[in-house]
Each structure stands twice: as C-alpha cells, then as structure tokens.
N, C-alpha and C. Protein backbone atom coordinates (compact mmCIF):
# COMPACT_ATOMS: atom_id res chain seq x y z
N MET A 1 0.86 -1.18 0.00
CA MET A 1 0.00 0.00 0.00
C MET A 1 0.90 1.24 0.00
N ARG A 2 0.54 2.21 -0.81
CA ARG A 2 1.30 3.45 -0.86
C ARG A 2 1.13 4.23 0.43
N ARG A 3 2.13 4.99 0.77
CA ARG A 3 2.12 5.74 2.03
C ARG A 3 0.92 6.68 2.13
N GLU A 4 0.58 7.36 1.05
CA GLU A 4 -0.54 8.31 1.07
C GLU A 4 -1.85 7.59 1.40
N ALA A 5 -2.05 6.42 0.81
CA ALA A 5 -3.27 5.65 1.07
C ALA A 5 -3.30 5.19 2.54
N TYR A 6 -2.16 4.80 3.03
CA TYR A 6 -2.07 4.37 4.43
C TYR A 6 -2.42 5.53 5.36
N VAL A 7 -1.87 6.71 5.09
CA VAL A 7 -2.13 7.89 5.92
C VAL A 7 -3.62 8.22 5.90
N ARG A 8 -4.25 8.15 4.74
CA ARG A 8 -5.70 8.43 4.65
C ARG A 8 -6.50 7.42 5.46
N ARG A 9 -6.12 6.16 5.40
CA ARG A 9 -6.85 5.13 6.16
C ARG A 9 -6.72 5.37 7.67
N VAL A 10 -5.52 5.69 8.13
CA VAL A 10 -5.31 5.97 9.56
C VAL A 10 -6.11 7.20 9.96
N ALA A 11 -6.09 8.24 9.13
CA ALA A 11 -6.83 9.46 9.44
C ALA A 11 -8.33 9.19 9.54
N ARG A 12 -8.88 8.39 8.61
CA ARG A 12 -10.31 8.06 8.67
C ARG A 12 -10.64 7.28 9.93
N LEU A 13 -9.78 6.33 10.29
CA LEU A 13 -10.00 5.55 11.51
C LEU A 13 -10.03 6.45 12.74
N LEU A 14 -9.06 7.33 12.86
CA LEU A 14 -9.00 8.22 14.01
C LEU A 14 -10.17 9.20 14.03
N ALA A 15 -10.53 9.74 12.87
CA ALA A 15 -11.64 10.69 12.81
C ALA A 15 -12.94 10.01 13.23
N GLY A 16 -13.16 8.79 12.78
CA GLY A 16 -14.37 8.06 13.18
C GLY A 16 -14.41 7.82 14.67
N GLY A 17 -13.28 7.45 15.25
CA GLY A 17 -13.22 7.25 16.69
C GLY A 17 -13.46 8.53 17.46
N LEU A 18 -12.93 9.64 16.97
CA LEU A 18 -13.12 10.92 17.65
C LEU A 18 -14.57 11.37 17.58
N ARG A 19 -15.25 11.11 16.46
CA ARG A 19 -16.68 11.46 16.38
C ARG A 19 -17.47 10.70 17.43
N ARG A 20 -17.17 9.43 17.62
CA ARG A 20 -17.89 8.63 18.62
C ARG A 20 -17.57 9.15 20.03
N VAL A 21 -16.32 9.49 20.28
CA VAL A 21 -15.92 10.02 21.59
C VAL A 21 -16.74 11.28 21.90
N ARG A 22 -16.81 12.20 20.95
CA ARG A 22 -17.56 13.45 21.18
C ARG A 22 -19.05 13.18 21.37
N ARG A 23 -19.61 12.30 20.55
CA ARG A 23 -21.03 11.99 20.63
C ARG A 23 -21.40 11.44 22.01
N LEU A 24 -20.49 10.73 22.63
CA LEU A 24 -20.74 10.13 23.95
C LEU A 24 -20.40 11.09 25.09
N GLY A 25 -19.99 12.31 24.78
CA GLY A 25 -19.66 13.29 25.81
C GLY A 25 -18.30 13.05 26.44
N ALA A 26 -17.47 12.28 25.76
CA ALA A 26 -16.13 11.98 26.29
C ALA A 26 -15.13 13.01 25.76
N ARG A 27 -13.91 12.93 26.27
CA ARG A 27 -12.86 13.84 25.83
C ARG A 27 -11.52 13.13 25.81
N LEU A 28 -10.59 13.65 25.05
CA LEU A 28 -9.22 13.14 24.99
C LEU A 28 -8.30 14.09 25.73
N ALA A 29 -7.40 13.54 26.50
CA ALA A 29 -6.38 14.35 27.17
C ALA A 29 -5.01 13.85 26.70
N PRO A 30 -4.20 14.73 26.11
CA PRO A 30 -2.87 14.31 25.66
C PRO A 30 -2.08 13.72 26.82
N ALA A 31 -1.30 12.68 26.52
CA ALA A 31 -0.51 12.01 27.55
C ALA A 31 0.65 11.28 26.90
N LEU A 32 1.68 11.02 27.67
CA LEU A 32 2.73 10.11 27.24
C LEU A 32 2.27 8.70 27.59
N VAL A 33 2.34 7.82 26.63
CA VAL A 33 1.93 6.43 26.82
C VAL A 33 3.16 5.57 26.56
N ASN A 34 3.68 4.97 27.62
CA ASN A 34 4.93 4.20 27.51
C ASN A 34 6.03 5.03 26.86
N GLY A 35 6.09 6.31 27.23
CA GLY A 35 7.13 7.20 26.73
C GLY A 35 6.89 7.75 25.34
N ARG A 36 5.73 7.46 24.77
CA ARG A 36 5.42 7.92 23.42
C ARG A 36 4.17 8.78 23.43
N PRO A 37 3.95 9.59 22.38
CA PRO A 37 2.76 10.44 22.35
C PRO A 37 1.48 9.62 22.32
N GLY A 38 0.46 10.14 22.97
CA GLY A 38 -0.82 9.46 22.99
C GLY A 38 -1.85 10.28 23.71
N ALA A 39 -2.90 9.62 24.16
CA ALA A 39 -3.98 10.31 24.85
C ALA A 39 -4.73 9.33 25.75
N VAL A 40 -5.32 9.90 26.78
CA VAL A 40 -6.23 9.13 27.64
C VAL A 40 -7.64 9.60 27.29
N VAL A 41 -8.55 8.66 27.12
CA VAL A 41 -9.95 8.98 26.82
C VAL A 41 -10.72 8.93 28.14
N TYR A 42 -11.40 10.04 28.45
CA TYR A 42 -12.24 10.12 29.66
C TYR A 42 -13.70 10.21 29.24
N ASP A 43 -14.58 9.54 29.98
CA ASP A 43 -16.01 9.66 29.68
C ASP A 43 -16.57 10.93 30.30
N ALA A 44 -17.86 11.15 30.15
CA ALA A 44 -18.49 12.38 30.64
C ALA A 44 -18.39 12.53 32.15
N GLU A 45 -18.21 11.42 32.87
CA GLU A 45 -18.07 11.46 34.34
C GLU A 45 -16.60 11.48 34.77
N GLN A 46 -15.70 11.72 33.80
CA GLN A 46 -14.25 11.81 34.03
C GLN A 46 -13.63 10.48 34.47
N ARG A 47 -14.23 9.37 34.06
CA ARG A 47 -13.65 8.04 34.31
C ARG A 47 -12.83 7.65 33.08
N VAL A 48 -11.79 6.87 33.29
CA VAL A 48 -10.91 6.44 32.19
C VAL A 48 -11.65 5.43 31.32
N ALA A 49 -11.76 5.76 30.02
CA ALA A 49 -12.44 4.87 29.08
C ALA A 49 -11.46 4.15 28.17
N GLY A 50 -10.25 4.68 28.03
CA GLY A 50 -9.26 4.04 27.17
C GLY A 50 -7.99 4.84 27.09
N VAL A 51 -7.00 4.23 26.48
CA VAL A 51 -5.71 4.88 26.25
C VAL A 51 -5.32 4.60 24.81
N ILE A 52 -4.82 5.62 24.13
CA ILE A 52 -4.37 5.50 22.75
C ILE A 52 -2.91 5.91 22.71
N GLY A 53 -2.07 5.09 22.11
CA GLY A 53 -0.66 5.41 21.96
C GLY A 53 -0.25 5.36 20.51
N LEU A 54 0.67 6.21 20.12
CA LEU A 54 1.16 6.26 18.74
C LEU A 54 2.62 5.84 18.70
N ASP A 55 2.94 4.94 17.77
CA ASP A 55 4.33 4.61 17.48
C ASP A 55 4.73 5.45 16.29
N ILE A 56 5.72 6.31 16.47
CA ILE A 56 6.15 7.23 15.42
C ILE A 56 7.61 6.95 15.11
N ASP A 57 7.92 6.81 13.80
CA ASP A 57 9.30 6.52 13.43
C ASP A 57 10.14 7.80 13.38
N ALA A 58 11.42 7.65 13.07
CA ALA A 58 12.35 8.78 13.07
C ALA A 58 11.98 9.85 12.06
N ASP A 59 11.24 9.48 11.01
CA ASP A 59 10.83 10.45 9.99
C ASP A 59 9.53 11.16 10.37
N GLY A 60 8.95 10.80 11.51
CA GLY A 60 7.71 11.43 11.95
C GLY A 60 6.46 10.75 11.46
N ALA A 61 6.59 9.62 10.79
CA ALA A 61 5.42 8.88 10.30
C ALA A 61 4.85 8.00 11.40
N VAL A 62 3.54 7.95 11.48
CA VAL A 62 2.87 7.07 12.43
C VAL A 62 2.98 5.65 11.91
N ARG A 63 3.58 4.77 12.69
CA ARG A 63 3.76 3.37 12.30
C ARG A 63 2.68 2.48 12.89
N ALA A 64 2.16 2.87 14.04
CA ALA A 64 1.11 2.05 14.67
C ALA A 64 0.29 2.92 15.61
N VAL A 65 -0.98 2.59 15.69
CA VAL A 65 -1.89 3.21 16.66
C VAL A 65 -2.31 2.08 17.58
N ARG A 66 -2.02 2.23 18.85
CA ARG A 66 -2.34 1.19 19.83
C ARG A 66 -3.39 1.73 20.79
N ALA A 67 -4.41 0.93 21.03
CA ALA A 67 -5.50 1.35 21.92
C ALA A 67 -5.78 0.26 22.93
N VAL A 68 -6.04 0.68 24.16
CA VAL A 68 -6.39 -0.24 25.24
C VAL A 68 -7.68 0.24 25.86
N SER A 69 -8.65 -0.66 25.98
CA SER A 69 -9.91 -0.30 26.65
C SER A 69 -10.32 -1.35 27.68
N ASP A 70 -9.48 -2.34 27.88
CA ASP A 70 -9.75 -3.40 28.87
C ASP A 70 -9.74 -2.78 30.27
N PRO A 71 -10.88 -2.81 30.99
CA PRO A 71 -10.94 -2.19 32.33
C PRO A 71 -9.87 -2.72 33.29
N ASP A 72 -9.53 -4.00 33.17
CA ASP A 72 -8.50 -4.56 34.06
C ASP A 72 -7.14 -3.92 33.81
N LYS A 73 -6.87 -3.52 32.59
CA LYS A 73 -5.58 -2.91 32.26
C LYS A 73 -5.56 -1.41 32.51
N LEU A 74 -6.73 -0.81 32.74
CA LEU A 74 -6.82 0.63 32.95
C LEU A 74 -7.01 1.01 34.41
N ALA A 75 -7.33 0.05 35.26
CA ALA A 75 -7.71 0.34 36.65
C ALA A 75 -6.65 1.12 37.42
N HIS A 76 -5.37 0.95 37.08
CA HIS A 76 -4.31 1.67 37.80
C HIS A 76 -4.33 3.18 37.52
N LEU A 77 -5.11 3.61 36.50
CA LEU A 77 -5.18 5.02 36.15
C LEU A 77 -6.28 5.77 36.89
N GLY A 78 -7.17 5.04 37.54
CA GLY A 78 -8.28 5.68 38.26
C GLY A 78 -9.58 4.96 37.98
N PRO A 79 -10.70 5.58 38.36
CA PRO A 79 -12.00 4.95 38.10
C PRO A 79 -12.17 4.69 36.60
N VAL A 80 -12.67 3.51 36.27
CA VAL A 80 -12.77 3.07 34.88
C VAL A 80 -14.21 3.18 34.39
N SER A 81 -14.36 3.64 33.16
CA SER A 81 -15.65 3.83 32.52
C SER A 81 -16.23 2.53 31.98
N ASP A 82 -17.53 2.56 31.71
CA ASP A 82 -18.17 1.44 31.03
C ASP A 82 -18.49 1.79 29.57
N LEU A 83 -17.88 2.85 29.05
CA LEU A 83 -18.11 3.28 27.67
C LEU A 83 -17.85 2.18 26.66
N GLY A 84 -16.83 1.39 26.89
CA GLY A 84 -16.48 0.32 25.97
C GLY A 84 -17.54 -0.76 25.87
N LEU A 85 -18.44 -0.81 26.84
CA LEU A 85 -19.49 -1.82 26.82
C LEU A 85 -20.70 -1.38 26.01
N LEU A 86 -20.76 -0.08 25.65
CA LEU A 86 -21.89 0.42 24.89
C LEU A 86 -21.79 0.00 23.44
N PRO A 87 -22.90 -0.39 22.81
CA PRO A 87 -22.86 -0.79 21.40
C PRO A 87 -22.57 0.42 20.52
N ALA A 88 -21.86 0.21 19.43
CA ALA A 88 -21.58 1.28 18.47
C ALA A 88 -22.87 1.61 17.73
N LYS A 89 -23.08 2.91 17.44
CA LYS A 89 -24.27 3.33 16.70
C LYS A 89 -23.88 3.98 15.41
C-alpha cells in the first residue's frame, strides 16, 4: 500500500473514533503512553475509558496506533468507565 493511502486510512480511523468520543460526551487528554505520544480517553463522568498510543518513526510517520480499553488494564489510572461496553451506533 502506498504511504498516502495508508495515511488516509489511519486518518479516517482516528476521525471516526473521535466522532464517537464526542457523541458520547467523552474527551481526549494528551498524555505520554509508555514514553510515546498518545492520549487518555475520559467519559463524561471523568472516568478512564481508554488509552491510545502512537508509534512514530524517526521520519515522523505514524507506524502504529495502539489502543487499550480493557478495564483490568486501565484500573491503575483511576476509576474506569463502562463506555467500551456500549454498542456502536
């Protein structure tokens, strides 16, 4: 796959996720995730709903988008949301 097509696919994926986050009253807070750029997703009640991390290469290209929403893996960050249990609309 050409780089431009890959970038468009990643952008569409992230934009779709962000629309759902906003629709649910959630917000993203920039954060370092394992020493790399990312964000923590908080629900409307300020509970942790997920973590997103970006793997970026030396040229600045995003190589991977990693997301965690498993409540057991998020519990150390604070109260955990049930947003991940809601069906997608």
